[in-house]
Amino acid sequence: MENEIQIGAQGRVVIPAALRKALKLKPGDRLVARKVGESLVLERREAVERRLRERFRHIPREVNLADELIAERRAEVARETD
């Protein structure tokens, strides 16, 4: 399904009714906008969350990636100051 739309004066975009119906979008639904190459992609927040959970599911729950990153950065600083 392809539709041409126009950006309004304040940068607003109206999603055509046929697309809203096909995607079961309702007023108040939250979408995440992101740039992919030269394209604008809108997707449901839930879809983004599912994709991220799937991407990182191999990491054990007890592993804290933020703590690991901070530890790596501190080690890097320590090496640079020696």
C-alpha atoms as a PDB file:
ATOM      1  CA  MET A   1       0.000   0.000   0.000  1.00  0.00           C
ATOM      2  CA  GLU A   2       1.526   3.281  -1.088  1.00  0.00           C
ATOM      3  CA  ASN A   3       0.228   6.791  -0.460  1.00  0.00           C
ATOM      4  CA  GLU A   4       1.681  10.198  -1.153  1.00  0.00           C
ATOM      5  CA  ILE A   5       1.272  12.664   1.677  1.00  0.00           C
ATOM      6  CA  GLN A   6       2.188  16.289   2.166  1.00  0.00           C
ATOM      7  CA  ILE A   7       3.946  17.849   5.135  1.00  0.00           C
ATOM      8  CA  GLY A   8       1.870  20.642   6.669  1.00  0.00           C
ATOM      9  CA  ALA A   9       3.034  24.129   7.610  1.00  0.00           C
ATOM     10  CA  GLN A  10       4.099  23.053  11.114  1.00  0.00           C
ATOM     11  CA  GLY A  11       5.735  19.823   9.970  1.00  0.00           C
ATOM     12  CA  ARG A  12       2.628  17.762  10.588  1.00  0.00           C
ATOM     13  CA  VAL A  13       1.882  14.638   8.611  1.00  0.00           C
ATOM     14  CA  VAL A  14      -1.534  13.036   8.290  1.00  0.00           C
ATOM     15  CA  ILE A  15      -1.497   9.264   7.957  1.00  0.00           C
ATOM     16  CA  PRO A  16      -4.093   8.346   5.317  1.00  0.00           C
ATOM     17  CA  ALA A  17      -7.219   6.619   6.614  1.00  0.00           C
ATOM     18  CA  ALA A  18      -6.580   3.459   4.577  1.00  0.00           C
ATOM     19  CA  LEU A  19      -3.147   3.049   6.205  1.00  0.00           C
ATOM     20  CA  ARG A  20      -4.493   3.795   9.681  1.00  0.00           C
ATOM     21  CA  LYS A  21      -7.182   1.180   9.168  1.00  0.00           C
ATOM     22  CA  ALA A  22      -4.793  -1.423   7.745  1.00  0.00           C
ATOM     23  CA  LEU A  23      -2.377  -0.900  10.659  1.00  0.00           C
ATOM     24  CA  LYS A  24      -5.187  -0.591  13.216  1.00  0.00           C
ATOM     25  CA  LEU A  25      -3.872   2.777  14.392  1.00  0.00           C
ATOM     26  CA  LYS A  26      -6.117   4.700  16.765  1.00  0.00           C
ATOM     27  CA  PRO A  27      -5.991   8.252  18.093  1.00  0.00           C
ATOM     28  CA  GLY A  28      -3.524   8.371  20.952  1.00  0.00           C
ATOM     29  CA  ASP A  29      -1.377   5.484  19.684  1.00  0.00           C
ATOM     30  CA  ARG A  30       2.331   6.237  20.125  1.00  0.00           C
ATOM     31  CA  LEU A  31       4.703   5.878  17.208  1.00  0.00           C
ATOM     32  CA  VAL A  32       8.475   6.147  17.134  1.00  0.00           C
ATOM     33  CA  ALA A  33       9.997   8.041  14.195  1.00  0.00           C
ATOM     34  CA  ARG A  34      13.475   7.238  12.949  1.00  0.00           C
ATOM     35  CA  LYS A  35      15.616   7.917   9.919  1.00  0.00           C
ATOM     36  CA  VAL A  36      16.743   4.890   7.926  1.00  0.00           C
ATOM     37  CA  GLY A  37      18.952   5.974   5.062  1.00  0.00           C
ATOM     38  CA  GLU A  38      16.892   8.561   3.226  1.00  0.00           C
ATOM     39  CA  SER A  39      13.594   7.230   4.596  1.00  0.00           C
ATOM     40  CA  LEU A  40      11.402   8.141   7.543  1.00  0.00           C
ATOM     41  CA  VAL A  41      10.105   5.087   9.384  1.00  0.00           C
ATOM     42  CA  LEU A  42       7.190   5.266  11.816  1.00  0.00           C
ATOM     43  CA  GLU A  43       6.524   2.265  13.994  1.00  0.00           C
ATOM     44  CA  ARG A  44       4.676   1.369  17.123  1.00  0.00           C
ATOM     45  CA  ARG A  45       6.636   1.766  20.345  1.00  0.00           C
ATOM     46  CA  GLU A  46       5.766  -1.850  21.196  1.00  0.00           C
ATOM     47  CA  ALA A  47       7.387  -3.047  17.963  1.00  0.00           C
ATOM     48  CA  VAL A  48      10.594  -1.174  18.816  1.00  0.00           C
ATOM     49  CA  GLU A  49      10.611  -2.658  22.313  1.00  0.00           C
ATOM     50  CA  ARG A  50      10.080  -6.193  20.927  1.00  0.00           C
ATOM     51  CA  ARG A  51      12.902  -5.729  18.411  1.00  0.00           C
ATOM     52  CA  LEU A  52      15.288  -4.478  21.121  1.00  0.00           C
ATOM     53  CA  ARG A  53      14.382  -7.303  23.507  1.00  0.00           C
ATOM     54  CA  GLU A  54      15.026  -9.803  20.711  1.00  0.00           C
ATOM     55  CA  ARG A  55      18.352  -8.166  19.820  1.00  0.00           C
ATOM     56  CA  PHE A  56      19.627  -8.359  23.412  1.00  0.00           C
ATOM     57  CA  ARG A  57      17.929 -11.557  24.611  1.00  0.00           C
ATOM     58  CA  HIS A  58      21.246 -13.442  24.588  1.00  0.00           C
ATOM     59  CA  ILE A  59      22.516 -11.201  27.405  1.00  0.00           C
ATOM     60  CA  PRO A  60      21.794 -12.697  30.845  1.00  0.00           C
ATOM     61  CA  ARG A  61      19.438 -10.632  33.019  1.00  0.00           C
ATOM     62  CA  GLU A  62      22.038 -10.321  35.771  1.00  0.00           C
ATOM     63  CA  VAL A  63      24.420  -8.508  33.372  1.00  0.00           C
ATOM     64  CA  ASN A  64      24.192  -4.724  33.579  1.00  0.00           C
ATOM     65  CA  LEU A  65      25.430  -3.272  30.289  1.00  0.00           C
ATOM     66  CA  ALA A  66      25.588   0.254  31.719  1.00  0.00           C
ATOM     67  CA  ASP A  67      27.887  -0.891  34.524  1.00  0.00           C
ATOM     68  CA  GLU A  68      30.078  -2.738  32.029  1.00  0.00           C
ATOM     69  CA  LEU A  69      30.349   0.331  29.815  1.00  0.00           C
ATOM     70  CA  ILE A  70      31.270   2.554  32.760  1.00  0.00           C
ATOM     71  CA  ALA A  71      33.922   0.045  33.880  1.00  0.00           C
ATOM     72  CA  GLU A  72      35.376  -0.055  30.342  1.00  0.00           C
ATOM     73  CA  ARG A  73      35.501   3.754  30.173  1.00  0.00           C
ATOM     74  CA  ARG A  74      37.194   3.988  33.579  1.00  0.00           C
ATOM     75  CA  ALA A  75      39.792   1.392  32.543  1.00  0.00           C
ATOM     76  CA  GLU A  76      40.391   3.345  29.341  1.00  0.00           C
ATOM     77  CA  VAL A  77      40.943   6.581  31.292  1.00  0.00           C
ATOM     78  CA  ALA A  78      43.278   4.794  33.684  1.00  0.00           C
ATOM     79  CA  ARG A  79      45.359   3.487  30.763  1.00  0.00           C
ATOM     80  CA  GLU A  80      45.532   6.954  29.195  1.00  0.00           C
ATOM     81  CA  THR A  81      46.654   8.637  32.434  1.00  0.00           C
ATOM     82  CA  ASP A  82      49.449   6.110  33.126  1.00  0.00           C
END
